[in-house]
C-alpha cells in the first residue's frame, strides 16, 4: 500500500467508525464490515492500478455499504449480501446488453476469497436523484425517461423467476413461490399476522398468492425495487436520466410488479404520472396487465400500511376482509 493510499484508507476508516455507531444505519451484518472497511477497500482497489485521490463513504444502510473511489475516473465499490449482489450484477449485465442507462459492472466477486464480503465495482453516478427534484415538471419528465427504460428492460427474458444464486444457478420456482419468499424475507407475512391476527393474515396471503394471474409462463427481467431515489439525473433547463442504481432481490418475474412499484401512493404524483406515461408511451397496458397492476398495488398498500407505526389496526383488518371478499376464491 502506498503512503497516499494508506492515508486515504485511514480517513475512510474514521468515517466508517462513526457510521458503525449510528443505530439507524448500522446492523449486525454491516458492523463487522465497517470495522475493517479500510483494509477491505485497499485490497479491492489496489489491483486496479488507479491513481487514487480520495476514498469516502457514499452510503451506509443495514444491508449495503457504498464507497466512492476518486481517481483518474470515479468508481463505486458496493458491498452487500451475496444474494443482493448476485441479483444486481445480473440486472446490470442484461441492461448493458440493451444499452440501457444502468452503470456497468467493472468487476464483481461473490467468492469471499479476497475479502469476507460480496461486492461489485461500477462507474460512479454523479448528479442528483429524482426524489430530490422539487420542480413538478422536471420530476415528471425524468420519471417518463425512467418508465421508458423499465419498459425496454422488461423486454428481456430471464432464465427463471426470482434471481440467480451467487454461483449463477437459478431455482426453478414459480412466480407465486418467489413472491411468498419475498414477502416472508421482508417480514410482511409476520407483520400482517401481528397486526390483524394470524388467521386473517394467513387468509389474505393465501388467497392473493393463488390468484390465477400469478401463474405466468415465463419471467421477464425486472428492477425489483422501482423508486425515484435510484434515478440519477442531470438538471439544467431540462432533466436527463443519467443512470438507474440499485435493484431488489427479485430481478425476474412479472413486469407489472415493477409497474405497480412505480405507481406507489407514497411517491410524488408527478413521478407516478410520468412513470406511467413513459412506460405506456409506445404500447398501452392491456386489460389483463391493468388487473395485475391493481393487485400488486393492493399488496404494496398493505406493506406500506404495516410500515406505519400509527396504522389503525381495526381499519386495516376491515380493508383486508374486503380485499379477500373481492378476490376469486
C-alpha atoms as a PDB file:
ATOM      1  CA  UNK A   1       0.000   0.000   0.000  1.00  0.00           C
ATOM      2  CA  UNK A   2       1.422   3.395  -0.992  1.00  0.00           C
ATOM      3  CA  UNK A   3       1.742   6.183   1.567  1.00  0.00           C
ATOM      4  CA  UNK A   4      -1.032   8.205  -0.055  1.00  0.00           C
ATOM      5  CA  UNK A   5      -3.419   5.240  -0.229  1.00  0.00           C
ATOM      6  CA  UNK A   6      -2.705   4.438   3.414  1.00  0.00           C
ATOM      7  CA  UNK A   7      -3.729   7.986   4.328  1.00  0.00           C
ATOM      8  CA  UNK A   8      -6.959   7.758   2.341  1.00  0.00           C
ATOM      9  CA  UNK A   9      -7.715   4.370   3.949  1.00  0.00           C
ATOM     10  CA  UNK A  10      -7.296   5.868   7.436  1.00  0.00           C
ATOM     11  CA  UNK A  11      -9.727   8.667   6.592  1.00  0.00           C
ATOM     12  CA  UNK A  12     -12.238   6.172   5.210  1.00  0.00           C
ATOM     13  CA  UNK A  13     -11.950   4.060   8.357  1.00  0.00           C
ATOM     14  CA  UNK A  14     -12.676   7.127  10.509  1.00  0.00           C
ATOM     15  CA  UNK A  15     -15.908   7.692   8.557  1.00  0.00           C
ATOM     16  CA  UNK A  16     -16.840   4.031   8.937  1.00  0.00           C
ATOM     17  CA  UNK A  17     -16.171   4.041  12.675  1.00  0.00           C
ATOM     18  CA  UNK A  18     -18.613   6.920  13.092  1.00  0.00           C
ATOM     19  CA  UNK A  19     -21.212   5.193  10.878  1.00  0.00           C
ATOM     20  CA  UNK A  20     -20.946   1.984  12.891  1.00  0.00           C
ATOM     21  CA  UNK A  21     -22.155   3.870  15.978  1.00  0.00           C
ATOM     22  CA  UNK A  22     -25.289   5.134  14.198  1.00  0.00           C
ATOM     23  CA  UNK A  23     -28.126   2.806  15.189  1.00  0.00           C
ATOM     24  CA  UNK A  24     -30.191   3.880  12.162  1.00  0.00           C
ATOM     25  CA  UNK A  25     -27.695   2.610   9.590  1.00  0.00           C
ATOM     26  CA  UNK A  26     -25.549   0.054  11.417  1.00  0.00           C
ATOM     27  CA  UNK A  27     -26.565  -3.583  11.758  1.00  0.00           C
ATOM     28  CA  UNK A  28     -25.211  -6.956  12.785  1.00  0.00           C
ATOM     29  CA  UNK A  29     -24.485  -7.547   9.089  1.00  0.00           C
ATOM     30  CA  UNK A  30     -22.574  -4.366   8.270  1.00  0.00           C
ATOM     31  CA  UNK A  31     -20.820  -3.680  11.595  1.00  0.00           C
ATOM     32  CA  UNK A  32     -18.027  -6.251  11.053  1.00  0.00           C
ATOM     33  CA  UNK A  33     -17.542  -4.842   7.535  1.00  0.00           C
ATOM     34  CA  UNK A  34     -17.436  -1.237   8.734  1.00  0.00           C
ATOM     35  CA  UNK A  35     -14.917  -2.165  11.422  1.00  0.00           C
ATOM     36  CA  UNK A  36     -12.410  -3.197   8.719  1.00  0.00           C
ATOM     37  CA  UNK A  37     -13.664  -1.311   5.685  1.00  0.00           C
ATOM     38  CA  UNK A  38     -10.324   0.413   5.130  1.00  0.00           C
ATOM     39  CA  UNK A  39      -8.445  -2.873   4.834  1.00  0.00           C
ATOM     40  CA  UNK A  40     -11.129  -4.366   2.571  1.00  0.00           C
ATOM     41  CA  UNK A  41     -11.233  -1.415   0.193  1.00  0.00           C
ATOM     42  CA  UNK A  42      -7.428  -1.343  -0.027  1.00  0.00           C
ATOM     43  CA  UNK A  43      -7.439  -4.991  -1.066  1.00  0.00           C
ATOM     44  CA  UNK A  44     -10.194  -4.356  -3.628  1.00  0.00           C
ATOM     45  CA  UNK A  45      -8.798  -1.225  -5.291  1.00  0.00           C
ATOM     46  CA  UNK A  46      -5.038  -1.918  -5.258  1.00  0.00           C
ATOM     47  CA  UNK A  47      -5.181  -4.335  -8.253  1.00  0.00           C
ATOM     48  CA  UNK A  48      -6.989  -1.641 -10.281  1.00  0.00           C
ATOM     49  CA  UNK A  49      -3.758   0.401 -10.507  1.00  0.00           C
ATOM     50  CA  UNK A  50      -5.692   3.650 -10.096  1.00  0.00           C
ATOM     51  CA  UNK A  51      -4.078   6.910  -9.094  1.00  0.00           C
ATOM     52  CA  UNK A  52      -6.420   7.347  -6.142  1.00  0.00           C
ATOM     53  CA  UNK A  53      -7.128  10.856  -4.846  1.00  0.00           C
ATOM     54  CA  UNK A  54      -9.737  10.083  -2.173  1.00  0.00           C
ATOM     55  CA  UNK A  55     -11.908   7.414  -0.579  1.00  0.00           C
ATOM     56  CA  UNK A  56     -15.230   8.231   1.039  1.00  0.00           C
ATOM     57  CA  UNK A  57     -18.397   6.577   2.294  1.00  0.00           C
ATOM     58  CA  UNK A  58     -21.295   7.385  -0.025  1.00  0.00           C
ATOM     59  CA  UNK A  59     -23.999   5.412   1.749  1.00  0.00           C
ATOM     60  CA  UNK A  60     -24.449   3.034   4.651  1.00  0.00           C
ATOM     61  CA  UNK A  61     -27.671   1.139   5.241  1.00  0.00           C
ATOM     62  CA  UNK A  62     -28.245  -2.004   7.310  1.00  0.00           C
ATOM     63  CA  UNK A  63     -27.788  -4.111   4.149  1.00  0.00           C
ATOM     64  CA  UNK A  64     -25.496  -2.016   1.940  1.00  0.00           C
ATOM     65  CA  UNK A  65     -22.191  -0.134   2.102  1.00  0.00           C
ATOM     66  CA  UNK A  66     -21.152   2.077  -0.833  1.00  0.00           C
ATOM     67  CA  UNK A  67     -17.696   3.644  -1.143  1.00  0.00           C
ATOM     68  CA  UNK A  68     -16.649   6.274  -3.667  1.00  0.00           C
ATOM     69  CA  UNK A  69     -13.129   5.890  -5.069  1.00  0.00           C
ATOM     70  CA  UNK A  70     -11.910   9.102  -6.721  1.00  0.00           C
ATOM     71  CA  UNK A  71      -9.078   8.871  -9.221  1.00  0.00           C
ATOM     72  CA  UNK A  72      -8.484   9.368 -12.944  1.00  0.00           C
ATOM     73  CA  UNK A  73     -12.029   8.005 -13.073  1.00  0.00           C
ATOM     74  CA  UNK A  74     -14.541   7.882 -10.254  1.00  0.00           C
ATOM     75  CA  UNK A  75     -15.913   4.486  -9.304  1.00  0.00           C
ATOM     76  CA  UNK A  76     -18.022   2.992  -6.553  1.00  0.00           C
ATOM     77  CA  UNK A  77     -17.467  -0.177  -4.566  1.00  0.00           C
ATOM     78  CA  UNK A  78     -20.765  -1.700  -3.449  1.00  0.00           C
ATOM     79  CA  UNK A  79     -20.712  -4.244  -0.616  1.00  0.00           C
ATOM     80  CA  UNK A  80     -23.956  -6.075   0.173  1.00  0.00           C
ATOM     81  CA  UNK A  81     -25.267  -9.560   0.983  1.00  0.00           C
ATOM     82  CA  UNK A  82     -24.327 -12.085  -1.706  1.00  0.00           C
ATOM     83  CA  UNK A  83     -27.935 -12.604  -2.871  1.00  0.00           C
ATOM     84  CA  UNK A  84     -28.324  -8.845  -3.433  1.00  0.00           C
ATOM     85  CA  UNK A  85     -25.028  -8.576  -5.313  1.00  0.00           C
ATOM     86  CA  UNK A  86     -25.921 -11.585  -7.496  1.00  0.00           C
ATOM     87  CA  UNK A  87     -29.287 -10.043  -8.385  1.00  0.00           C
ATOM     88  CA  UNK A  88     -27.884  -6.598  -9.126  1.00  0.00           C
ATOM     89  CA  UNK A  89     -24.979  -7.858 -11.216  1.00  0.00           C
ATOM     90  CA  UNK A  90     -27.377  -9.965 -13.299  1.00  0.00           C
ATOM     91  CA  UNK A  91     -29.650  -6.969 -13.861  1.00  0.00           C
ATOM     92  CA  UNK A  92     -26.837  -4.636 -14.864  1.00  0.00           C
ATOM     93  CA  UNK A  93     -25.337  -7.091 -17.310  1.00  0.00           C
ATOM     94  CA  UNK A  94     -28.678  -7.559 -19.044  1.00  0.00           C
ATOM     95  CA  UNK A  95     -29.167  -3.780 -19.123  1.00  0.00           C
ATOM     96  CA  UNK A  96     -25.686  -3.350 -20.652  1.00  0.00           C
ATOM     97  CA  UNK A  97     -26.613  -5.713 -23.483  1.00  0.00           C
ATOM     98  CA  UNK A  98     -29.548  -3.424 -24.308  1.00  0.00           C
ATOM     99  CA  UNK A  99     -27.523  -0.212 -23.813  1.00  0.00           C
ATOM    100  CA  UNK A 100     -29.841   0.964 -21.046  1.00  0.00           C
ATOM    101  CA  UNK A 101     -28.729   3.640 -18.561  1.00  0.00           C
ATOM    102  CA  UNK A 102     -27.545   1.400 -15.736  1.00  0.00           C
ATOM    103  CA  UNK A 103     -23.917   1.643 -14.535  1.00  0.00           C
ATOM    104  CA  UNK A 104     -21.962  -1.265 -15.943  1.00  0.00           C
ATOM    105  CA  UNK A 105     -20.261  -3.814 -13.716  1.00  0.00           C
ATOM    106  CA  UNK A 106     -16.497  -3.287 -13.906  1.00  0.00           C
ATOM    107  CA  UNK A 107     -15.756  -6.183 -11.595  1.00  0.00           C
ATOM    108  CA  UNK A 108     -17.648  -8.387  -9.145  1.00  0.00           C
ATOM    109  CA  UNK A 109     -16.694 -11.022  -6.593  1.00  0.00           C
ATOM    110  CA  UNK A 110     -19.088 -13.271  -4.716  1.00  0.00           C
ATOM    111  CA  UNK A 111     -16.455 -15.844  -3.758  1.00  0.00           C
ATOM    112  CA  UNK A 112     -15.431 -14.237  -0.412  1.00  0.00           C
ATOM    113  CA  UNK A 113     -11.835 -15.119  -1.306  1.00  0.00           C
ATOM    114  CA  UNK A 114     -10.344 -11.613  -1.456  1.00  0.00           C
ATOM    115  CA  UNK A 115     -12.437 -10.077   1.325  1.00  0.00           C
ATOM    116  CA  UNK A 116     -15.108 -11.707   3.534  1.00  0.00           C
ATOM    117  CA  UNK A 117     -17.953  -9.972   1.715  1.00  0.00           C
ATOM    118  CA  UNK A 118     -19.594  -9.904  -1.708  1.00  0.00           C
ATOM    119  CA  UNK A 119     -19.001  -6.768  -3.757  1.00  0.00           C
ATOM    120  CA  UNK A 120     -19.014  -5.218  -7.198  1.00  0.00           C
ATOM    121  CA  UNK A 121     -17.344  -2.192  -8.745  1.00  0.00           C
ATOM    122  CA  UNK A 122     -19.099   0.184 -11.141  1.00  0.00           C
ATOM    123  CA  UNK A 123     -18.721   3.720 -12.507  1.00  0.00           C
ATOM    124  CA  UNK A 124     -19.715   6.481 -10.092  1.00  0.00           C
ATOM    125  CA  UNK A 125     -23.102   8.058 -10.750  1.00  0.00           C
ATOM    126  CA  UNK A 126     -22.917  11.823 -10.350  1.00  0.00           C
ATOM    127  CA  UNK A 127     -25.833  14.221 -10.364  1.00  0.00           C
ATOM    128  CA  UNK A 128     -28.879  14.224  -8.140  1.00  0.00           C
ATOM    129  CA  UNK A 129     -31.633  11.709  -7.586  1.00  0.00           C
ATOM    130  CA  UNK A 130     -35.122  12.197  -8.926  1.00  0.00           C
ATOM    131  CA  UNK A 131     -36.745  12.105  -5.491  1.00  0.00           C
ATOM    132  CA  UNK A 132     -34.948  15.352  -4.575  1.00  0.00           C
ATOM    133  CA  UNK A 133     -36.252  17.309  -7.587  1.00  0.00           C
ATOM    134  CA  UNK A 134     -38.871  19.783  -6.377  1.00  0.00           C
ATOM    135  CA  UNK A 135     -39.955  21.103  -9.760  1.00  0.00           C
ATOM    136  CA  UNK A 136     -43.030  19.059 -10.719  1.00  0.00           C
ATOM    137  CA  UNK A 137     -42.447  19.312 -14.459  1.00  0.00           C
ATOM    138  CA  UNK A 138     -38.834  18.168 -14.234  1.00  0.00           C
ATOM    139  CA  UNK A 139     -39.783  15.293 -11.961  1.00  0.00           C
ATOM    140  CA  UNK A 140     -42.460  14.184 -14.417  1.00  0.00           C
ATOM    141  CA  UNK A 141     -40.082  14.346 -17.383  1.00  0.00           C
ATOM    142  CA  UNK A 142     -37.424  12.393 -15.504  1.00  0.00           C
ATOM    143  CA  UNK A 143     -39.998   9.798 -14.478  1.00  0.00           C
ATOM    144  CA  UNK A 144     -41.058   9.394 -18.117  1.00  0.00           C
ATOM    145  CA  UNK A 145     -37.470   8.515 -19.015  1.00  0.00           C
ATOM    146  CA  UNK A 146     -37.350   6.015 -16.162  1.00  0.00           C
ATOM    147  CA  UNK A 147     -40.648   4.490 -17.300  1.00  0.00           C
ATOM    148  CA  UNK A 148     -39.380   4.094 -20.874  1.00  0.00           C
ATOM    149  CA  UNK A 149     -36.185   2.495 -19.579  1.00  0.00           C
ATOM    150  CA  UNK A 150     -38.117  -0.019 -17.481  1.00  0.00           C
ATOM    151  CA  UNK A 151     -40.328  -0.901 -20.440  1.00  0.00           C
ATOM    152  CA  UNK A 152     -37.212  -1.646 -22.502  1.00  0.00           C
ATOM    153  CA  UNK A 153     -35.655  -3.661 -19.674  1.00  0.00           C
ATOM    154  CA  UNK A 154     -38.791  -5.800 -19.385  1.00  0.00           C
ATOM    155  CA  UNK A 155     -38.357  -6.870 -22.992  1.00  0.00           C
ATOM    156  CA  UNK A 156     -35.579  -9.243 -21.868  1.00  0.00           C
ATOM    157  CA  UNK A 157     -36.490 -12.714 -20.663  1.00  0.00           C
ATOM    158  CA  UNK A 158     -34.901 -14.331 -17.596  1.00  0.00           C
ATOM    159  CA  UNK A 159     -33.925 -17.992 -17.058  1.00  0.00           C
ATOM    160  CA  UNK A 160     -36.466 -18.360 -14.243  1.00  0.00           C
ATOM    161  CA  UNK A 161     -38.357 -16.416 -11.608  1.00  0.00           C
ATOM    162  CA  UNK A 162     -36.585 -14.708  -8.715  1.00  0.00           C
ATOM    163  CA  UNK A 163     -32.827 -14.170  -9.013  1.00  0.00           C
ATOM    164  CA  UNK A 164     -29.639 -16.154  -9.582  1.00  0.00           C
ATOM    165  CA  UNK A 165     -27.663 -17.610  -6.707  1.00  0.00           C
ATOM    166  CA  UNK A 166     -24.101 -16.477  -6.104  1.00  0.00           C
ATOM    167  CA  UNK A 167     -22.953 -19.415  -8.256  1.00  0.00           C
ATOM    168  CA  UNK A 168     -25.117 -18.236 -11.161  1.00  0.00           C
ATOM    169  CA  UNK A 169     -27.658 -21.052 -10.847  1.00  0.00           C
ATOM    170  CA  UNK A 170     -31.398 -20.406 -10.673  1.00  0.00           C
ATOM    171  CA  UNK A 171     -34.048 -22.179  -8.634  1.00  0.00           C
ATOM    172  CA  UNK A 172     -36.877 -23.317 -10.867  1.00  0.00           C
ATOM    173  CA  UNK A 173     -39.549 -21.702  -8.707  1.00  0.00           C
ATOM    174  CA  UNK A 174     -42.928 -20.433  -9.858  1.00  0.00           C
ATOM    175  CA  UNK A 175     -43.782 -16.755  -9.515  1.00  0.00           C
ATOM    176  CA  UNK A 176     -46.140 -17.287  -6.513  1.00  0.00           C
ATOM    177  CA  UNK A 177     -43.397 -19.200  -4.676  1.00  0.00           C
ATOM    178  CA  UNK A 178     -40.930 -16.358  -5.315  1.00  0.00           C
ATOM    179  CA  UNK A 179     -43.450 -13.777  -4.095  1.00  0.00           C
ATOM    180  CA  UNK A 180     -44.171 -15.732  -0.903  1.00  0.00           C
ATOM    181  CA  UNK A 181     -40.443 -15.986  -0.224  1.00  0.00           C
ATOM    182  CA  UNK A 182     -40.049 -12.241  -0.884  1.00  0.00           C
ATOM    183  CA  UNK A 183     -42.909 -11.406   1.497  1.00  0.00           C
ATOM    184  CA  UNK A 184     -41.526 -13.772   4.138  1.00  0.00           C
ATOM    185  CA  UNK A 185     -37.971 -12.432   3.983  1.00  0.00           C
ATOM    186  CA  UNK A 186     -39.082  -8.817   4.259  1.00  0.00           C
ATOM    187  CA  UNK A 187     -41.238  -9.727   7.263  1.00  0.00           C
ATOM    188  CA  UNK A 188     -44.556  -8.714   5.691  1.00  0.00           C
ATOM    189  CA  UNK A 189     -46.306 -12.023   6.390  1.00  0.00           C
ATOM    190  CA  UNK A 190     -45.418 -11.993  10.091  1.00  0.00           C
ATOM    191  CA  UNK A 191     -46.182  -8.273  10.497  1.00  0.00           C
ATOM    192  CA  UNK A 192     -49.639  -8.655   8.997  1.00  0.00           C
ATOM    193  CA  UNK A 193     -50.329 -11.586  11.327  1.00  0.00           C
ATOM    194  CA  UNK A 194     -49.222  -9.494  14.300  1.00  0.00           C
ATOM    195  CA  UNK A 195     -51.370  -6.546  13.177  1.00  0.00           C
ATOM    196  CA  UNK A 196     -54.694  -8.112  12.127  1.00  0.00           C
ATOM    197  CA  UNK A 197     -54.355 -11.587  13.643  1.00  0.00           C
ATOM    198  CA  UNK A 198     -52.735 -14.767  12.298  1.00  0.00           C
ATOM    199  CA  UNK A 199     -55.944 -16.262  10.861  1.00  0.00           C
ATOM    200  CA  UNK A 200     -56.940 -13.191   8.851  1.00  0.00           C
ATOM    201  CA  UNK A 201     -53.361 -12.529   7.788  1.00  0.00           C
ATOM    202  CA  UNK A 202     -52.911 -16.088   6.525  1.00  0.00           C
ATOM    203  CA  UNK A 203     -56.233 -15.970   4.646  1.00  0.00           C
ATOM    204  CA  UNK A 204     -55.184 -12.780   2.871  1.00  0.00           C
ATOM    205  CA  UNK A 205     -51.782 -14.018   1.715  1.00  0.00           C
ATOM    206  CA  UNK A 206     -53.049 -17.487   0.776  1.00  0.00           C
ATOM    207  CA  UNK A 207     -55.971 -16.049  -1.205  1.00  0.00           C
ATOM    208  CA  UNK A 208     -53.828 -13.484  -3.008  1.00  0.00           C
ATOM    209  CA  UNK A 209     -50.999 -15.891  -3.862  1.00  0.00           C
ATOM    210  CA  UNK A 210     -53.314 -18.397  -5.532  1.00  0.00           C
ATOM    211  CA  UNK A 211     -54.842 -15.865  -7.921  1.00  0.00           C
ATOM    212  CA  UNK A 212     -54.716 -17.135 -11.488  1.00  0.00           C
ATOM    213  CA  UNK A 213     -52.953 -14.037 -12.856  1.00  0.00           C
ATOM    214  CA  UNK A 214     -49.812 -15.060 -10.948  1.00  0.00           C
ATOM    215  CA  UNK A 215     -49.443 -18.256 -12.998  1.00  0.00           C
ATOM    216  CA  UNK A 216     -47.097 -16.717 -15.556  1.00  0.00           C
ATOM    217  CA  UNK A 217     -45.445 -18.940 -18.181  1.00  0.00           C
ATOM    218  CA  UNK A 218     -42.116 -17.083 -18.240  1.00  0.00           C
ATOM    219  CA  UNK A 219     -40.172 -14.407 -16.386  1.00  0.00           C
ATOM    220  CA  UNK A 220     -39.020 -11.015 -17.600  1.00  0.00           C
ATOM    221  CA  UNK A 221     -36.022  -9.125 -16.244  1.00  0.00           C
ATOM    222  CA  UNK A 222     -37.088  -6.673 -13.523  1.00  0.00           C
ATOM    223  CA  UNK A 223     -35.523  -3.919 -11.475  1.00  0.00           C
ATOM    224  CA  UNK A 224     -37.392  -5.229  -8.450  1.00  0.00           C
ATOM    225  CA  UNK A 225     -37.408  -2.001  -6.420  1.00  0.00           C
ATOM    226  CA  UNK A 226     -38.528   0.889  -8.628  1.00  0.00           C
ATOM    227  CA  UNK A 227     -38.071   4.135  -6.710  1.00  0.00           C
ATOM    228  CA  UNK A 228     -37.181   7.729  -7.713  1.00  0.00           C
ATOM    229  CA  UNK A 229     -34.287   7.622  -5.231  1.00  0.00           C
ATOM    230  CA  UNK A 230     -32.477   5.266  -7.638  1.00  0.00           C
ATOM    231  CA  UNK A 231     -32.830   7.531 -10.687  1.00  0.00           C
ATOM    232  CA  UNK A 232     -29.801   9.818 -11.106  1.00  0.00           C
ATOM    233  CA  UNK A 233     -30.411  12.844 -13.288  1.00  0.00           C
ATOM    234  CA  UNK A 234     -28.648  15.933 -14.596  1.00  0.00           C
ATOM    235  CA  UNK A 235     -30.704  19.108 -14.365  1.00  0.00           C
ATOM    236  CA  UNK A 236     -30.315  22.325 -16.339  1.00  0.00           C
ATOM    237  CA  UNK A 237     -33.126  23.802 -18.402  1.00  0.00           C
ATOM    238  CA  UNK A 238     -34.281  20.200 -18.741  1.00  0.00           C
ATOM    239  CA  UNK A 239     -33.691  16.915 -16.966  1.00  0.00           C
ATOM    240  CA  UNK A 240     -31.685  13.975 -18.309  1.00  0.00           C
ATOM    241  CA  UNK A 241     -31.687  10.477 -16.828  1.00  0.00           C
ATOM    242  CA  UNK A 242     -28.018   9.524 -16.371  1.00  0.00           C
ATOM    243  CA  UNK A 243     -28.386   6.172 -14.685  1.00  0.00           C
ATOM    244  CA  UNK A 244     -30.515   3.890 -12.533  1.00  0.00           C
ATOM    245  CA  UNK A 245     -28.947   2.457  -9.421  1.00  0.00           C
ATOM    246  CA  UNK A 246     -29.862  -0.380  -7.070  1.00  0.00           C
ATOM    247  CA  UNK A 247     -32.254  -3.267  -7.520  1.00  0.00           C
ATOM    248  CA  UNK A 248     -34.463  -5.532  -5.498  1.00  0.00           C
ATOM    249  CA  UNK A 249     -33.573  -9.079  -4.574  1.00  0.00           C
ATOM    250  CA  UNK A 250     -36.221 -10.206  -7.097  1.00  0.00           C
ATOM    251  CA  UNK A 251     -34.997  -9.326 -10.606  1.00  0.00           C
ATOM    252  CA  UNK A 252     -37.052 -11.732 -12.692  1.00  0.00           C
ATOM    253  CA  UNK A 253     -40.818 -12.054 -12.792  1.00  0.00           C
ATOM    254  CA  UNK A 254     -43.894 -10.114 -13.847  1.00  0.00           C
ATOM    255  CA  UNK A 255     -43.163  -6.707 -15.440  1.00  0.00           C
ATOM    256  CA  UNK A 256     -46.322  -5.372 -13.793  1.00  0.00           C
ATOM    257  CA  UNK A 257     -44.596  -5.898 -10.434  1.00  0.00           C
ATOM    258  CA  UNK A 258     -42.201  -3.078 -11.420  1.00  0.00           C
ATOM    259  CA  UNK A 259     -45.003  -1.058 -12.979  1.00  0.00           C
ATOM    260  CA  UNK A 260     -47.013  -1.153  -9.748  1.00  0.00           C
ATOM    261  CA  UNK A 261     -43.942  -0.230  -7.695  1.00  0.00           C
ATOM    262  CA  UNK A 262     -43.561   2.921  -9.779  1.00  0.00           C
ATOM    263  CA  UNK A 263     -47.180   3.827  -9.001  1.00  0.00           C
ATOM    264  CA  UNK A 264     -46.929   3.575  -5.186  1.00  0.00           C
ATOM    265  CA  UNK A 265     -49.069   6.173  -3.441  1.00  0.00           C
ATOM    266  CA  UNK A 266     -46.117   7.338  -1.326  1.00  0.00           C
ATOM    267  CA  UNK A 267     -44.359   8.759  -4.389  1.00  0.00           C
ATOM    268  CA  UNK A 268     -44.891  12.267  -5.745  1.00  0.00           C
ATOM    269  CA  UNK A 269     -47.956  12.370  -8.030  1.00  0.00           C
ATOM    270  CA  UNK A 270     -45.850  13.797 -10.862  1.00  0.00           C
ATOM    271  CA  UNK A 271     -43.424  10.902 -10.587  1.00  0.00           C
ATOM    272  CA  UNK A 272     -46.277   8.382 -10.727  1.00  0.00           C
ATOM    273  CA  UNK A 273     -47.881  10.126 -13.695  1.00  0.00           C
ATOM    274  CA  UNK A 274     -44.610  10.484 -15.579  1.00  0.00           C
ATOM    275  CA  UNK A 275     -43.576   6.884 -14.927  1.00  0.00           C
ATOM    276  CA  UNK A 276     -46.916   5.643 -16.279  1.00  0.00           C
ATOM    277  CA  UNK A 277     -46.678   7.926 -19.325  1.00  0.00           C
ATOM    278  CA  UNK A 278     -43.161   6.764 -20.134  1.00  0.00           C
ATOM    279  CA  UNK A 279     -43.957   3.090 -19.641  1.00  0.00           C
ATOM    280  CA  UNK A 280     -47.052   3.216 -21.855  1.00  0.00           C
ATOM    281  CA  UNK A 281     -45.717   5.710 -24.428  1.00  0.00           C
ATOM    282  CA  UNK A 282     -45.491   3.188 -27.262  1.00  0.00           C
ATOM    283  CA  UNK A 283     -47.872   0.426 -26.127  1.00  0.00           C
ATOM    284  CA  UNK A 284     -50.699   0.934 -23.628  1.00  0.00           C
ATOM    285  CA  UNK A 285     -51.365  -1.617 -20.901  1.00  0.00           C
ATOM    286  CA  UNK A 286     -53.979  -4.183 -21.804  1.00  0.00           C
ATOM    287  CA  UNK A 287     -56.867  -5.152 -19.536  1.00  0.00           C
ATOM    288  CA  UNK A 288     -55.025  -8.134 -18.032  1.00  0.00           C
ATOM    289  CA  UNK A 289     -51.956  -6.036 -17.245  1.00  0.00           C
ATOM    290  CA  UNK A 290     -54.098  -3.370 -15.609  1.00  0.00           C
ATOM    291  CA  UNK A 291     -55.697  -6.029 -13.401  1.00  0.00           C
ATOM    292  CA  UNK A 292     -52.256  -7.310 -12.366  1.00  0.00           C
ATOM    293  CA  UNK A 293     -51.037  -3.797 -11.558  1.00  0.00           C
ATOM    294  CA  UNK A 294     -54.068  -3.250  -9.322  1.00  0.00           C
ATOM    295  CA  UNK A 295     -53.398  -6.495  -7.448  1.00  0.00           C
ATOM    296  CA  UNK A 296     -49.735  -5.621  -6.864  1.00  0.00           C
ATOM    297  CA  UNK A 297     -50.725  -2.126  -5.737  1.00  0.00           C
ATOM    298  CA  UNK A 298     -53.072  -3.707  -3.201  1.00  0.00           C
ATOM    299  CA  UNK A 299     -50.199  -5.678  -1.671  1.00  0.00           C
ATOM    300  CA  UNK A 300     -47.879  -2.655  -1.748  1.00  0.00           C
ATOM    301  CA  UNK A 301     -50.514  -0.606   0.106  1.00  0.00           C
ATOM    302  CA  UNK A 302     -50.677  -3.327   2.758  1.00  0.00           C
ATOM    303  CA  UNK A 303     -46.867  -3.365   3.036  1.00  0.00           C
ATOM    304  CA  UNK A 304     -46.751   0.429   3.349  1.00  0.00           C
ATOM    305  CA  UNK A 305     -49.524   0.404   5.971  1.00  0.00           C
ATOM    306  CA  UNK A 306     -47.616  -2.164   8.034  1.00  0.00           C
ATOM    307  CA  UNK A 307     -44.552   0.109   7.984  1.00  0.00           C
ATOM    308  CA  UNK A 308     -46.601   2.893   9.611  1.00  0.00           C
ATOM    309  CA  UNK A 309     -46.449   2.655  13.410  1.00  0.00           C
ATOM    310  CA  UNK A 310     -49.673   4.709  13.614  1.00  0.00           C
ATOM    311  CA  UNK A 311     -51.677   2.292  11.456  1.00  0.00           C
ATOM    312  CA  UNK A 312     -55.276   1.787  12.553  1.00  0.00           C
ATOM    313  CA  UNK A 313     -55.363  -1.964  13.148  1.00  0.00           C
ATOM    314  CA  UNK A 314     -59.144  -2.243  13.015  1.00  0.00           C
ATOM    315  CA  UNK A 315     -59.378  -0.248   9.795  1.00  0.00           C
ATOM    316  CA  UNK A 316     -56.632  -2.342   8.220  1.00  0.00           C
ATOM    317  CA  UNK A 317     -58.378  -5.556   9.284  1.00  0.00           C
ATOM    318  CA  UNK A 318     -61.620  -4.363   7.669  1.00  0.00           C
ATOM    319  CA  UNK A 319     -59.732  -3.463   4.481  1.00  0.00           C
ATOM    320  CA  UNK A 320     -58.115  -6.912   4.444  1.00  0.00           C
ATOM    321  CA  UNK A 321     -61.502  -8.601   4.855  1.00  0.00           C
ATOM    322  CA  UNK A 322     -62.913  -6.535   1.982  1.00  0.00           C
ATOM    323  CA  UNK A 323     -59.924  -7.370  -0.215  1.00  0.00           C
ATOM    324  CA  UNK A 324     -60.322 -11.094   0.448  1.00  0.00           C
ATOM    325  CA  UNK A 325     -64.034 -10.932  -0.370  1.00  0.00           C
ATOM    326  CA  UNK A 326     -63.313  -9.144  -3.678  1.00  0.00           C
ATOM    327  CA  UNK A 327     -60.818 -11.789  -4.883  1.00  0.00           C
ATOM    328  CA  UNK A 328     -61.907 -15.008  -6.573  1.00  0.00           C
ATOM    329  CA  UNK A 329     -61.757 -17.913  -4.137  1.00  0.00           C
END
